[in-house]
Amino acid sequence: MFNNLRKMRKTKGYTCDYMAKEIGLSNKSSYSKRELGKTPFSLIEAKKVSDLFKASIDTIFFSNEVSWKDSKPV
C-alpha cells in the first residue's frame, strides 16, 4: 500500500530521517514504521506528507488496485 509513498520519497531524494523531521517525528525509525505500514500515519502526519509532496492524500496513500484476496468471491 505504501509503495507509492516510498517511490515518491526516493524520487525526490528524501531520506527517512528527513521525512521524520519534516512531519514532526522523533526519529527515522518512527517514520520507517509508518512507511512500511507497521504503524498508521495520523491524519495530521498524512497532511504534512501531502503538503511536502504537493499531492493529495489519496494519491500518496491509496491506490486503485484491488488485491487478489479482496477480489475473491465470498
PDB file of N, CA and C in Angstrom:
ATOM      1  N   MET A   1       0.808  -1.195   0.000  1.00  0.00           N
ATOM      2  CA  MET A   1       0.000   0.000   0.000  1.00  0.00           C
ATOM      3  C   MET A   1       0.854   1.264   0.000  1.00  0.00           C
ATOM      4  N   PHE A   2       1.979   1.234   0.662  1.00  0.00           N
ATOM      5  CA  PHE A   2       2.793   2.433   0.768  1.00  0.00           C
ATOM      6  C   PHE A   2       3.949   2.449  -0.226  1.00  0.00           C
ATOM      7  N   ASN A   3       3.909   1.544  -1.216  1.00  0.00           N
ATOM      8  CA  ASN A   3       4.952   1.542  -2.233  1.00  0.00           C
ATOM      9  C   ASN A   3       5.003   2.873  -2.966  1.00  0.00           C
ATOM     10  N   ASN A   4       3.851   3.476  -3.181  1.00  0.00           N
ATOM     11  CA  ASN A   4       3.800   4.761  -3.863  1.00  0.00           C
ATOM     12  C   ASN A   4       4.524   5.827  -3.049  1.00  0.00           C
ATOM     13  N   LEU A   5       4.309   5.851  -1.754  1.00  0.00           N
ATOM     14  CA  LEU A   5       4.971   6.818  -0.885  1.00  0.00           C
ATOM     15  C   LEU A   5       6.477   6.628  -0.933  1.00  0.00           C
ATOM     16  N   ARG A   6       6.916   5.396  -0.825  1.00  0.00           N
ATOM     17  CA  ARG A   6       8.351   5.112  -0.859  1.00  0.00           C
ATOM     18  C   ARG A   6       8.961   5.556  -2.189  1.00  0.00           C
ATOM     19  N   LYS A   7       8.261   5.253  -3.270  1.00  0.00           N
ATOM     20  CA  LYS A   7       8.746   5.631  -4.601  1.00  0.00           C
ATOM     21  C   LYS A   7       8.835   7.151  -4.730  1.00  0.00           C
ATOM     22  N   MET A   8       7.825   7.853  -4.265  1.00  0.00           N
ATOM     23  CA  MET A   8       7.832   9.317  -4.317  1.00  0.00           C
ATOM     24  C   MET A   8       8.965   9.887  -3.477  1.00  0.00           C
ATOM     25  N   ARG A   9       9.168   9.315  -2.303  1.00  0.00           N
ATOM     26  CA  ARG A   9      10.238   9.796  -1.417  1.00  0.00           C
ATOM     27  C   ARG A   9      11.597   9.619  -2.079  1.00  0.00           C
ATOM     28  N   LYS A  10      11.822   8.449  -2.642  1.00  0.00           N
ATOM     29  CA  LYS A  10      13.125   8.175  -3.270  1.00  0.00           C
ATOM     30  C   LYS A  10      13.335   9.031  -4.519  1.00  0.00           C
ATOM     31  N   THR A  11      12.267   9.264  -5.275  1.00  0.00           N
ATOM     32  CA  THR A  11      12.364  10.110  -6.464  1.00  0.00           C
ATOM     33  C   THR A  11      12.814  11.522  -6.094  1.00  0.00           C
ATOM     34  N   LYS A  12      12.312  12.023  -4.987  1.00  0.00           N
ATOM     35  CA  LYS A  12      12.686  13.357  -4.503  1.00  0.00           C
ATOM     36  C   LYS A  12      14.060  13.372  -3.834  1.00  0.00           C
ATOM     37  N   GLY A  13      14.587  12.179  -3.530  1.00  0.00           N
ATOM     38  CA  GLY A  13      15.872  12.107  -2.839  1.00  0.00           C
ATOM     39  C   GLY A  13      15.780  12.337  -1.340  1.00  0.00           C
ATOM     40  N   TYR A  14      14.579  12.182  -0.792  1.00  0.00           N
ATOM     41  CA  TYR A  14      14.369  12.378   0.641  1.00  0.00           C
ATOM     42  C   TYR A  14      14.718  11.101   1.403  1.00  0.00           C
ATOM     43  N   THR A  15      15.379  11.249   2.521  1.00  0.00           N
ATOM     44  CA  THR A  15      15.690  10.113   3.386  1.00  0.00           C
ATOM     45  C   THR A  15      14.571   9.954   4.410  1.00  0.00           C
ATOM     46  N   CYS A  16      14.551   8.814   5.065  1.00  0.00           N
ATOM     47  CA  CYS A  16      13.575   8.603   6.138  1.00  0.00           C
ATOM     48  C   CYS A  16      13.824   9.590   7.280  1.00  0.00           C
ATOM     49  N   ASP A  17      15.076   9.904   7.535  1.00  0.00           N
ATOM     50  CA  ASP A  17      15.420  10.874   8.575  1.00  0.00           C
ATOM     51  C   ASP A  17      14.844  12.250   8.233  1.00  0.00           C
ATOM     52  N   TYR A  18      14.987  12.648   6.983  1.00  0.00           N
ATOM     53  CA  TYR A  18      14.443  13.932   6.526  1.00  0.00           C
ATOM     54  C   TYR A  18      12.921  13.948   6.679  1.00  0.00           C
ATOM     55  N   MET A  19      12.273  12.884   6.234  1.00  0.00           N
ATOM     56  CA  MET A  19      10.819  12.817   6.323  1.00  0.00           C
ATOM     57  C   MET A  19      10.347  12.883   7.775  1.00  0.00           C
ATOM     58  N   ALA A  20      11.053  12.165   8.643  1.00  0.00           N
ATOM     59  CA  ALA A  20      10.688  12.177  10.069  1.00  0.00           C
ATOM     60  C   ALA A  20      10.727  13.603  10.609  1.00  0.00           C
ATOM     61  N   LYS A  21      11.801  14.323  10.312  1.00  0.00           N
ATOM     62  CA  LYS A  21      11.923  15.696  10.808  1.00  0.00           C
ATOM     63  C   LYS A  21      10.841  16.596  10.223  1.00  0.00           C
ATOM     64  N   GLU A  22      10.539  16.432   8.941  1.00  0.00           N
ATOM     65  CA  GLU A  22       9.554  17.287   8.273  1.00  0.00           C
ATOM     66  C   GLU A  22       8.140  17.099   8.812  1.00  0.00           C
ATOM     67  N   ILE A  23       7.806  15.886   9.231  1.00  0.00           N
ATOM     68  CA  ILE A  23       6.434  15.672   9.725  1.00  0.00           C
ATOM     69  C   ILE A  23       6.359  15.633  11.259  1.00  0.00           C
ATOM     70  N   GLY A  24       7.489  15.897  11.916  1.00  0.00           N
ATOM     71  CA  GLY A  24       7.474  16.044  13.364  1.00  0.00           C
ATOM     72  C   GLY A  24       7.635  14.772  14.169  1.00  0.00           C
ATOM     73  N   LEU A  25       8.272  13.762  13.572  1.00  0.00           N
ATOM     74  CA  LEU A  25       8.532  12.528  14.319  1.00  0.00           C
ATOM     75  C   LEU A  25       9.911  12.599  14.968  1.00  0.00           C
ATOM     76  N   SER A  26      10.108  11.808  16.010  1.00  0.00           N
ATOM     77  CA  SER A  26      11.351  11.894  16.783  1.00  0.00           C
ATOM     78  C   SER A  26      12.563  11.287  16.085  1.00  0.00           C
ATOM     79  N   ASN A  27      12.338  10.301  15.206  1.00  0.00           N
ATOM     80  CA  ASN A  27      13.490   9.680  14.544  1.00  0.00           C
ATOM     81  C   ASN A  27      13.067   8.964  13.263  1.00  0.00           C
ATOM     82  N   LYS A  28      14.072   8.531  12.497  1.00  0.00           N
ATOM     83  CA  LYS A  28      13.776   7.886  11.214  1.00  0.00           C
ATOM     84  C   LYS A  28      13.092   6.539  11.388  1.00  0.00           C
ATOM     85  N   SER A  29      13.333   5.869  12.498  1.00  0.00           N
ATOM     86  CA  SER A  29      12.689   4.586  12.754  1.00  0.00           C
ATOM     87  C   SER A  29      11.174   4.754  12.860  1.00  0.00           C
ATOM     88  N   SER A  30      10.748   5.817  13.500  1.00  0.00           N
ATOM     89  CA  SER A  30       9.308   6.099  13.619  1.00  0.00           C
ATOM     90  C   SER A  30       8.693   6.306  12.245  1.00  0.00           C
ATOM     91  N   TYR A  31       9.416   7.007  11.378  1.00  0.00           N
ATOM     92  CA  TYR A  31       8.909   7.219  10.022  1.00  0.00           C
ATOM     93  C   TYR A  31       8.904   5.908   9.235  1.00  0.00           C
ATOM     94  N   SER A  32       9.987   5.157   9.322  1.00  0.00           N
ATOM     95  CA  SER A  32      10.099   3.895   8.571  1.00  0.00           C
ATOM     96  C   SER A  32       8.953   2.951   8.898  1.00  0.00           C
ATOM     97  N   LYS A  33       8.588   2.881  10.171  1.00  0.00           N
ATOM     98  CA  LYS A  33       7.478   2.017  10.584  1.00  0.00           C
ATOM     99  C   LYS A  33       6.176   2.441   9.916  1.00  0.00           C
ATOM    100  N   ARG A  34       6.013   3.734   9.733  1.00  0.00           N
ATOM    101  CA  ARG A  34       4.806   4.231   9.071  1.00  0.00           C
ATOM    102  C   ARG A  34       4.847   3.918   7.575  1.00  0.00           C
ATOM    103  N   GLU A  35       5.998   4.152   6.962  1.00  0.00           N
ATOM    104  CA  GLU A  35       6.114   3.899   5.526  1.00  0.00           C
ATOM    105  C   GLU A  35       5.947   2.412   5.203  1.00  0.00           C
ATOM    106  N   LEU A  36       6.348   1.556   6.103  1.00  0.00           N
ATOM    107  CA  LEU A  36       6.201   0.114   5.906  1.00  0.00           C
ATOM    108  C   LEU A  36       4.805  -0.392   6.280  1.00  0.00           C
ATOM    109  N   GLY A  37       3.982   0.471   6.861  1.00  0.00           N
ATOM    110  CA  GLY A  37       2.622   0.084   7.215  1.00  0.00           C
ATOM    111  C   GLY A  37       2.511  -0.596   8.564  1.00  0.00           C
ATOM    112  N   LYS A  38       3.577  -0.577   9.353  1.00  0.00           N
ATOM    113  CA  LYS A  38       3.539  -1.203  10.675  1.00  0.00           C
ATOM    114  C   LYS A  38       2.849  -0.306  11.699  1.00  0.00           C
ATOM    115  N   THR A  39       2.921   0.995  11.474  1.00  0.00           N
ATOM    116  CA  THR A  39       2.279   1.981  12.336  1.00  0.00           C
ATOM    117  C   THR A  39       1.495   2.912  11.428  1.00  0.00           C
ATOM    118  N   PRO A  40       0.243   3.193  11.741  1.00  0.00           N
ATOM    119  CA  PRO A  40      -0.532   4.069  10.853  1.00  0.00           C
ATOM    120  C   PRO A  40      -0.089   5.534  10.955  1.00  0.00           C
ATOM    121  N   PHE A  41      -0.193   6.240   9.839  1.00  0.00           N
ATOM    122  CA  PHE A  41       0.012   7.687   9.852  1.00  0.00           C
ATOM    123  C   PHE A  41      -1.223   8.314  10.479  1.00  0.00           C
ATOM    124  N   SER A  42      -1.013   9.329  11.295  1.00  0.00           N
ATOM    125  CA  SER A  42      -2.157  10.111  11.774  1.00  0.00           C
ATOM    126  C   SER A  42      -2.616  10.988  10.611  1.00  0.00           C
ATOM    127  N   LEU A  43      -3.795  11.534  10.709  1.00  0.00           N
ATOM    128  CA  LEU A  43      -4.293  12.415   9.660  1.00  0.00           C
ATOM    129  C   LEU A  43      -3.404  13.654   9.537  1.00  0.00           C
ATOM    130  N   ILE A  44      -2.937  14.154  10.647  1.00  0.00           N
ATOM    131  CA  ILE A  44      -2.047  15.330  10.639  1.00  0.00           C
ATOM    132  C   ILE A  44      -0.736  14.994   9.932  1.00  0.00           C
ATOM    133  N   GLU A  45      -0.176  13.819  10.218  1.00  0.00           N
ATOM    134  CA  GLU A  45       1.058  13.394   9.552  1.00  0.00           C
ATOM    135  C   GLU A  45       0.839  13.209   8.056  1.00  0.00           C
ATOM    136  N   ALA A  46      -0.282  12.592   7.692  1.00  0.00           N
ATOM    137  CA  ALA A  46      -0.593  12.376   6.274  1.00  0.00           C
ATOM    138  C   ALA A  46      -0.732  13.719   5.553  1.00  0.00           C
ATOM    139  N   LYS A  47      -1.345  14.688   6.208  1.00  0.00           N
ATOM    140  CA  LYS A  47      -1.489  16.027   5.621  1.00  0.00           C
ATOM    141  C   LYS A  47      -0.126  16.670   5.417  1.00  0.00           C
ATOM    142  N   LYS A  48       0.770  16.530   6.384  1.00  0.00           N
ATOM    143  CA  LYS A  48       2.113  17.095   6.248  1.00  0.00           C
ATOM    144  C   LYS A  48       2.864  16.443   5.092  1.00  0.00           C
ATOM    145  N   VAL A  49       2.698  15.135   4.943  1.00  0.00           N
ATOM    146  CA  VAL A  49       3.332  14.412   3.835  1.00  0.00           C
ATOM    147  C   VAL A  49       2.763  14.912   2.514  1.00  0.00           C
ATOM    148  N   SER A  50       1.453  15.045   2.446  1.00  0.00           N
ATOM    149  CA  SER A  50       0.842  15.502   1.192  1.00  0.00           C
ATOM    150  C   SER A  50       1.278  16.926   0.848  1.00  0.00           C
ATOM    151  N   ASP A  51       1.421  17.776   1.842  1.00  0.00           N
ATOM    152  CA  ASP A  51       1.913  19.136   1.599  1.00  0.00           C
ATOM    153  C   ASP A  51       3.361  19.106   1.097  1.00  0.00           C
ATOM    154  N   LEU A  52       4.158  18.252   1.683  1.00  0.00           N
ATOM    155  CA  LEU A  52       5.567  18.139   1.302  1.00  0.00           C
ATOM    156  C   LEU A  52       5.722  17.710  -0.157  1.00  0.00           C
ATOM    157  N   PHE A  53       4.878  16.778  -0.594  1.00  0.00           N
ATOM    158  CA  PHE A  53       4.954  16.280  -1.966  1.00  0.00           C
ATOM    159  C   PHE A  53       4.034  17.043  -2.928  1.00  0.00           C
ATOM    160  N   LYS A  54       3.248  17.982  -2.374  1.00  0.00           N
ATOM    161  CA  LYS A  54       2.300  18.740  -3.188  1.00  0.00           C
ATOM    162  C   LYS A  54       1.386  17.787  -3.984  1.00  0.00           C
ATOM    163  N   ALA A  55       0.874  16.819  -3.277  1.00  0.00           N
ATOM    164  CA  ALA A  55      -0.026  15.807  -3.856  1.00  0.00           C
ATOM    165  C   ALA A  55      -1.117  15.501  -2.836  1.00  0.00           C
ATOM    166  N   SER A  56      -2.236  14.993  -3.322  1.00  0.00           N
ATOM    167  CA  SER A  56      -3.340  14.681  -2.411  1.00  0.00           C
ATOM    168  C   SER A  56      -3.020  13.456  -1.562  1.00  0.00           C
ATOM    169  N   ILE A  57      -3.676  13.372  -0.443  1.00  0.00           N
ATOM    170  CA  ILE A  57      -3.529  12.210   0.440  1.00  0.00           C
ATOM    171  C   ILE A  57      -3.929  10.944  -0.319  1.00  0.00           C
ATOM    172  N   ASP A  58      -4.999  11.030  -1.108  1.00  0.00           N
ATOM    173  CA  ASP A  58      -5.437   9.870  -1.903  1.00  0.00           C
ATOM    174  C   ASP A  58      -4.343   9.390  -2.841  1.00  0.00           C
ATOM    175  N   THR A  59      -3.706  10.316  -3.526  1.00  0.00           N
ATOM    176  CA  THR A  59      -2.653   9.965  -4.481  1.00  0.00           C
ATOM    177  C   THR A  59      -1.497   9.262  -3.802  1.00  0.00           C
ATOM    178  N   ILE A  60      -1.149   9.718  -2.616  1.00  0.00           N
ATOM    179  CA  ILE A  60       0.013   9.176  -1.912  1.00  0.00           C
ATOM    180  C   ILE A  60      -0.303   7.859  -1.199  1.00  0.00           C
ATOM    181  N   PHE A  61      -1.414   7.819  -0.480  1.00  0.00           N
ATOM    182  CA  PHE A  61      -1.665   6.702   0.422  1.00  0.00           C
ATOM    183  C   PHE A  61      -2.620   5.628  -0.087  1.00  0.00           C
ATOM    184  N   PHE A  62      -3.347   5.915  -1.149  1.00  0.00           N
ATOM    185  CA  PHE A  62      -4.316   4.940  -1.635  1.00  0.00           C
ATOM    186  C   PHE A  62      -4.052   4.621  -3.095  1.00  0.00           C
ATOM    187  N   SER A  63      -4.372   3.407  -3.479  1.00  0.00           N
ATOM    188  CA  SER A  63      -4.233   3.040  -4.886  1.00  0.00           C
ATOM    189  C   SER A  63      -5.573   2.513  -5.377  1.00  0.00           C
ATOM    190  N   ASN A  64      -5.716   2.476  -6.655  1.00  0.00           N
ATOM    191  CA  ASN A  64      -6.943   1.947  -7.248  1.00  0.00           C
ATOM    192  C   ASN A  64      -6.861   0.452  -7.471  1.00  0.00           C
ATOM    193  N   GLU A  65      -5.759  -0.143  -7.075  1.00  0.00           N
ATOM    194  CA  GLU A  65      -5.564  -1.568  -7.272  1.00  0.00           C
ATOM    195  C   GLU A  65      -6.357  -2.362  -6.244  1.00  0.00           C
ATOM    196  N   VAL A  66      -6.864  -3.478  -6.656  1.00  0.00           N
ATOM    197  CA  VAL A  66      -7.564  -4.390  -5.758  1.00  0.00           C
ATOM    198  C   VAL A  66      -6.718  -5.644  -5.650  1.00  0.00           C
ATOM    199  N   SER A  67      -6.453  -6.067  -4.437  1.00  0.00           N
ATOM    200  CA  SER A  67      -5.629  -7.255  -4.258  1.00  0.00           C
ATOM    201  C   SER A  67      -6.409  -8.502  -4.659  1.00  0.00           C
ATOM    202  N   TRP A  68      -5.695  -9.547  -4.963  1.00  0.00           N
ATOM    203  CA  TRP A  68      -6.320 -10.817  -5.320  1.00  0.00           C
ATOM    204  C   TRP A  68      -7.216 -11.288  -4.190  1.00  0.00           C
ATOM    205  N   LYS A  69      -6.730 -11.146  -2.958  1.00  0.00           N
ATOM    206  CA  LYS A  69      -7.501 -11.582  -1.783  1.00  0.00           C
ATOM    207  C   LYS A  69      -8.839 -10.843  -1.711  1.00  0.00           C
ATOM    208  N   ASP A  70      -8.827  -9.531  -1.990  1.00  0.00           N
ATOM    209  CA  ASP A  70     -10.044  -8.721  -1.905  1.00  0.00           C
ATOM    210  C   ASP A  70     -11.006  -8.994  -3.047  1.00  0.00           C
ATOM    211  N   SER A  71     -10.528  -9.563  -4.127  1.00  0.00           N
ATOM    212  CA  SER A  71     -11.376  -9.773  -5.291  1.00  0.00           C
ATOM    213  C   SER A  71     -11.977 -11.170  -5.354  1.00  0.00           C
ATOM    214  N   LYS A  72     -11.609 -12.056  -4.415  1.00  0.00           N
ATOM    215  CA  LYS A  72     -12.151 -13.412  -4.394  1.00  0.00           C
ATOM    216  C   LYS A  72     -13.610 -13.381  -3.976  1.00  0.00           C
ATOM    217  N   PRO A  73     -14.468 -14.182  -4.614  1.00  0.00           N
ATOM    218  CA  PRO A  73     -15.868 -14.262  -4.180  1.00  0.00           C
ATOM    219  C   PRO A  73     -15.963 -14.857  -2.784  1.00  0.00           C
ATOM    220  N   VAL A  74     -16.952 -14.441  -2.065  1.00  0.00           N
ATOM    221  CA  VAL A  74     -17.147 -14.903  -0.685  1.00  0.00           C
ATOM    222  C   VAL A  74     -17.830 -16.235  -0.649  1.00  0.00           C
TER     223      VAL A  74
END
